[in-house]
Structures are given as structure tokens and as C-alpha cells.
Amino acid sequence: MHWGADWQSGWFWGMHLGMWIFWIVVAVVVWVLVSRLHVPRAPTAESPLEILQRRYAEGALTTVEYEERRQKLAEAGAAAH
């Protein structure tokens, strides 16, 4: 009987294949977990006042336009309540 390393043995190929399957499963599980952590989150919705303030800060509105629109938003907000 020969107990040395036998490359033709089923044990060798079975263990070798088992090792590859194990590491592939580990890699897939890690990939799935990491991909779930990086799910893009939906941007938070800006309120109309925040949009107005952002546009004013960007220079898209003049001070007069900003004040007029802010006043209209305040009136609309008061009317809604």
C-alpha cells in the first residue's frame, strides 16, 4: 500500500475542488454583503424654500427676485395652515 502523495487519488482532487468551491462561496458572500452596503440612497427632497435659497446662493436669482418669491412662499404657507 502506498500512503504518499498520490496525484491520481480521488482524495486529492476532491479536496482540491472542495477548497476552490469554499473560497468561491466566501468571495460571493463578501461581494453580496459589500454591494448591499453601497446601495445608492435617494436624495432628500428639498423644500421650496431650500430650493429658493440654493438658487439665490448660486446667483441664479437677484435679491429682489429672491425676496418676492420668499414672500410668496411665506403667504402660500400661511394660507395652507
N, C-alpha and C. Protein backbone atom coordinates (compact mmCIF):
# COMPACT_ATOMS: atom_id res chain seq x y z
N MET A 1 0.83 -1.17 0.00
CA MET A 1 0.00 0.00 0.00
C MET A 1 0.87 1.24 0.00
N HIS A 2 0.46 2.23 -0.76
CA HIS A 2 1.24 3.46 -0.90
C HIS A 2 0.48 4.61 -0.23
N TRP A 3 1.07 5.20 0.82
CA TRP A 3 0.42 6.27 1.57
C TRP A 3 0.98 7.65 1.23
N GLY A 4 1.83 7.78 0.28
CA GLY A 4 2.42 9.07 -0.10
C GLY A 4 1.44 9.91 -0.90
N ALA A 5 1.94 11.03 -1.42
CA ALA A 5 1.11 11.92 -2.23
C ALA A 5 0.82 11.25 -3.56
N ASP A 6 -0.42 10.93 -3.77
CA ASP A 6 -0.82 10.26 -4.99
C ASP A 6 -1.69 11.24 -5.78
N TRP A 7 -1.16 11.80 -6.85
CA TRP A 7 -1.85 12.81 -7.64
C TRP A 7 -3.06 12.23 -8.38
N GLN A 8 -3.12 10.96 -8.52
CA GLN A 8 -4.23 10.33 -9.22
C GLN A 8 -5.37 9.96 -8.27
N SER A 9 -5.16 10.18 -6.99
CA SER A 9 -6.15 9.79 -5.98
C SER A 9 -7.38 10.69 -6.06
N GLY A 10 -8.52 10.11 -5.79
CA GLY A 10 -9.75 10.88 -5.73
C GLY A 10 -9.75 11.85 -4.56
N TRP A 11 -9.06 11.49 -3.48
CA TRP A 11 -8.97 12.37 -2.32
C TRP A 11 -8.32 13.69 -2.68
N PHE A 12 -7.25 13.64 -3.44
CA PHE A 12 -6.52 14.86 -3.82
C PHE A 12 -7.43 15.79 -4.61
N TRP A 13 -8.08 15.26 -5.64
CA TRP A 13 -8.91 16.10 -6.49
C TRP A 13 -10.18 16.55 -5.76
N GLY A 14 -10.71 15.71 -4.90
CA GLY A 14 -11.89 16.09 -4.13
C GLY A 14 -11.60 17.22 -3.17
N MET A 15 -10.48 17.14 -2.47
CA MET A 15 -10.10 18.20 -1.53
C MET A 15 -9.74 19.48 -2.28
N HIS A 16 -9.08 19.33 -3.40
CA HIS A 16 -8.69 20.49 -4.20
C HIS A 16 -9.95 21.21 -4.71
N LEU A 17 -10.89 20.47 -5.23
CA LEU A 17 -12.15 21.03 -5.72
C LEU A 17 -12.93 21.65 -4.56
N GLY A 18 -12.95 20.97 -3.44
CA GLY A 18 -13.65 21.50 -2.25
C GLY A 18 -13.07 22.82 -1.79
N MET A 19 -11.75 22.94 -1.84
CA MET A 19 -11.11 24.19 -1.44
C MET A 19 -11.54 25.32 -2.37
N TRP A 20 -11.56 25.08 -3.66
CA TRP A 20 -11.96 26.10 -4.63
C TRP A 20 -13.43 26.50 -4.43
N ILE A 21 -14.28 25.54 -4.23
CA ILE A 21 -15.70 25.84 -4.01
C ILE A 21 -15.88 26.67 -2.75
N PHE A 22 -15.18 26.30 -1.68
CA PHE A 22 -15.26 27.05 -0.43
C PHE A 22 -14.88 28.52 -0.64
N TRP A 23 -13.74 28.79 -1.29
CA TRP A 23 -13.28 30.17 -1.47
C TRP A 23 -14.16 30.95 -2.44
N ILE A 24 -14.73 30.28 -3.42
CA ILE A 24 -15.65 30.96 -4.33
C ILE A 24 -16.91 31.37 -3.57
N VAL A 25 -17.43 30.48 -2.73
CA VAL A 25 -18.61 30.81 -1.92
C VAL A 25 -18.30 31.97 -0.99
N VAL A 26 -17.14 31.95 -0.33
CA VAL A 26 -16.75 33.04 0.56
C VAL A 26 -16.68 34.36 -0.22
N ALA A 27 -16.06 34.35 -1.40
CA ALA A 27 -15.94 35.57 -2.21
C ALA A 27 -17.31 36.10 -2.63
N VAL A 28 -18.21 35.21 -3.02
CA VAL A 28 -19.55 35.64 -3.43
C VAL A 28 -20.30 36.25 -2.24
N VAL A 29 -20.22 35.64 -1.08
CA VAL A 29 -20.90 36.17 0.10
C VAL A 29 -20.34 37.55 0.46
N VAL A 30 -19.03 37.71 0.44
CA VAL A 30 -18.42 39.01 0.73
C VAL A 30 -18.87 40.04 -0.30
N TRP A 31 -18.89 39.66 -1.57
CA TRP A 31 -19.30 40.59 -2.62
C TRP A 31 -20.75 41.03 -2.43
N VAL A 32 -21.63 40.11 -2.10
CA VAL A 32 -23.05 40.45 -1.88
C VAL A 32 -23.19 41.39 -0.70
N LEU A 33 -22.49 41.11 0.40
CA LEU A 33 -22.59 41.97 1.58
C LEU A 33 -22.06 43.36 1.30
N VAL A 34 -20.94 43.47 0.61
CA VAL A 34 -20.36 44.77 0.29
C VAL A 34 -21.25 45.53 -0.68
N SER A 35 -21.82 44.85 -1.66
CA SER A 35 -22.67 45.54 -2.64
C SER A 35 -23.94 46.06 -1.99
N ARG A 36 -24.43 45.41 -0.96
CA ARG A 36 -25.62 45.89 -0.27
C ARG A 36 -25.31 47.11 0.59
N LEU A 37 -24.08 47.24 1.03
CA LEU A 37 -23.71 48.41 1.83
C LEU A 37 -23.63 49.67 0.98
N HIS A 38 -23.37 49.51 -0.30
CA HIS A 38 -23.19 50.65 -1.19
C HIS A 38 -24.41 50.90 -2.06
N VAL A 39 -25.59 50.68 -1.52
CA VAL A 39 -26.82 50.96 -2.26
C VAL A 39 -26.98 52.47 -2.31
N PRO A 40 -27.15 53.02 -3.51
CA PRO A 40 -27.33 54.47 -3.58
C PRO A 40 -28.60 54.90 -2.84
N ARG A 41 -28.45 55.87 -2.04
CA ARG A 41 -29.59 56.36 -1.28
C ARG A 41 -30.29 57.46 -2.07
N ALA A 42 -31.60 57.51 -1.93
CA ALA A 42 -32.38 58.53 -2.62
C ALA A 42 -32.05 59.89 -2.01
N PRO A 43 -31.87 60.88 -2.85
CA PRO A 43 -31.59 62.20 -2.29
C PRO A 43 -32.79 62.72 -1.51
N THR A 44 -32.49 63.46 -0.48
CA THR A 44 -33.57 64.00 0.32
C THR A 44 -34.25 65.12 -0.48
N ALA A 45 -35.54 65.17 -0.40
CA ALA A 45 -36.29 66.18 -1.14
C ALA A 45 -36.10 67.54 -0.49
N GLU A 46 -35.78 68.52 -1.30
CA GLU A 46 -35.62 69.87 -0.79
C GLU A 46 -36.99 70.55 -0.72
N SER A 47 -37.16 71.36 0.28
CA SER A 47 -38.39 72.14 0.37
C SER A 47 -38.28 73.29 -0.63
N PRO A 48 -39.41 73.88 -1.00
CA PRO A 48 -39.36 75.02 -1.93
C PRO A 48 -38.49 76.16 -1.42
N LEU A 49 -38.52 76.40 -0.12
CA LEU A 49 -37.69 77.47 0.44
C LEU A 49 -36.20 77.12 0.32
N GLU A 50 -35.85 75.86 0.54
CA GLU A 50 -34.45 75.44 0.39
C GLU A 50 -33.98 75.57 -1.05
N ILE A 51 -34.86 75.23 -1.99
CA ILE A 51 -34.51 75.39 -3.41
C ILE A 51 -34.30 76.86 -3.73
N LEU A 52 -35.19 77.70 -3.23
CA LEU A 52 -35.07 79.14 -3.45
C LEU A 52 -33.76 79.67 -2.87
N GLN A 53 -33.44 79.26 -1.66
CA GLN A 53 -32.20 79.71 -1.02
C GLN A 53 -30.97 79.23 -1.79
N ARG A 54 -31.02 77.98 -2.27
CA ARG A 54 -29.88 77.45 -3.02
C ARG A 54 -29.71 78.22 -4.33
N ARG A 55 -30.80 78.47 -5.03
CA ARG A 55 -30.71 79.20 -6.31
C ARG A 55 -30.20 80.63 -6.08
N TYR A 56 -30.62 81.24 -4.98
CA TYR A 56 -30.13 82.59 -4.65
C TYR A 56 -28.63 82.56 -4.35
N ALA A 57 -28.22 81.54 -3.61
CA ALA A 57 -26.80 81.40 -3.28
C ALA A 57 -25.96 81.12 -4.54
N GLU A 58 -26.53 80.42 -5.51
CA GLU A 58 -25.81 80.14 -6.75
C GLU A 58 -25.73 81.37 -7.65
N GLY A 59 -26.55 82.39 -7.36
CA GLY A 59 -26.56 83.59 -8.19
C GLY A 59 -27.56 83.53 -9.32
N ALA A 60 -28.46 82.55 -9.29
CA ALA A 60 -29.46 82.43 -10.34
C ALA A 60 -30.59 83.44 -10.15
N LEU A 61 -30.72 84.02 -8.96
CA LEU A 61 -31.77 84.99 -8.66
C LEU A 61 -31.15 86.26 -8.13
N THR A 62 -31.78 87.37 -8.44
CA THR A 62 -31.34 88.63 -7.84
C THR A 62 -31.96 88.72 -6.45
N THR A 63 -31.53 89.71 -5.69
CA THR A 63 -32.06 89.90 -4.34
C THR A 63 -33.54 90.23 -4.39
N VAL A 64 -33.95 91.04 -5.36
CA VAL A 64 -35.35 91.42 -5.49
C VAL A 64 -36.20 90.18 -5.82
N GLU A 65 -35.74 89.37 -6.76
CA GLU A 65 -36.47 88.15 -7.12
C GLU A 65 -36.58 87.21 -5.93
N TYR A 66 -35.46 87.08 -5.21
CA TYR A 66 -35.44 86.20 -4.04
C TYR A 66 -36.46 86.65 -3.00
N GLU A 67 -36.46 87.95 -2.69
CA GLU A 67 -37.38 88.47 -1.67
C GLU A 67 -38.84 88.31 -2.10
N GLU A 68 -39.12 88.57 -3.39
CA GLU A 68 -40.50 88.42 -3.88
C GLU A 68 -40.97 86.97 -3.76
N ARG A 69 -40.14 86.06 -4.19
CA ARG A 69 -40.52 84.64 -4.17
C ARG A 69 -40.60 84.10 -2.74
N ARG A 70 -39.70 84.57 -1.88
CA ARG A 70 -39.75 84.15 -0.48
C ARG A 70 -41.05 84.63 0.17
N GLN A 71 -41.44 85.85 -0.16
CA GLN A 71 -42.69 86.40 0.38
C GLN A 71 -43.89 85.59 -0.12
N LYS A 72 -43.89 85.22 -1.40
CA LYS A 72 -44.99 84.42 -1.94
C LYS A 72 -45.05 83.05 -1.28
N LEU A 73 -43.88 82.46 -1.04
CA LEU A 73 -43.84 81.16 -0.35
C LEU A 73 -44.38 81.30 1.08
N ALA A 74 -44.03 82.37 1.75
CA ALA A 74 -44.50 82.58 3.11
C ALA A 74 -46.02 82.76 3.12
N GLU A 75 -46.56 83.50 2.14
CA GLU A 75 -48.00 83.69 2.05
C GLU A 75 -48.71 82.38 1.74
N ALA A 76 -48.15 81.62 0.85
CA ALA A 76 -48.75 80.33 0.49
C ALA A 76 -48.71 79.37 1.68
N GLY A 77 -47.62 79.41 2.45
CA GLY A 77 -47.51 78.57 3.62
C GLY A 77 -48.51 78.96 4.70
N ALA A 78 -48.73 80.27 4.86
CA ALA A 78 -49.68 80.75 5.86
C ALA A 78 -51.10 80.41 5.44
N ALA A 79 -51.37 80.46 4.15
CA ALA A 79 -52.71 80.15 3.64
C ALA A 79 -53.01 78.66 3.76
N ALA A 80 -51.97 77.82 3.66
CA ALA A 80 -52.16 76.37 3.73
C ALA A 80 -52.45 75.91 5.14
N HIS A 81 -52.00 76.67 6.13
CA HIS A 81 -52.20 76.25 7.53
C HIS A 81 -53.46 76.76 8.00
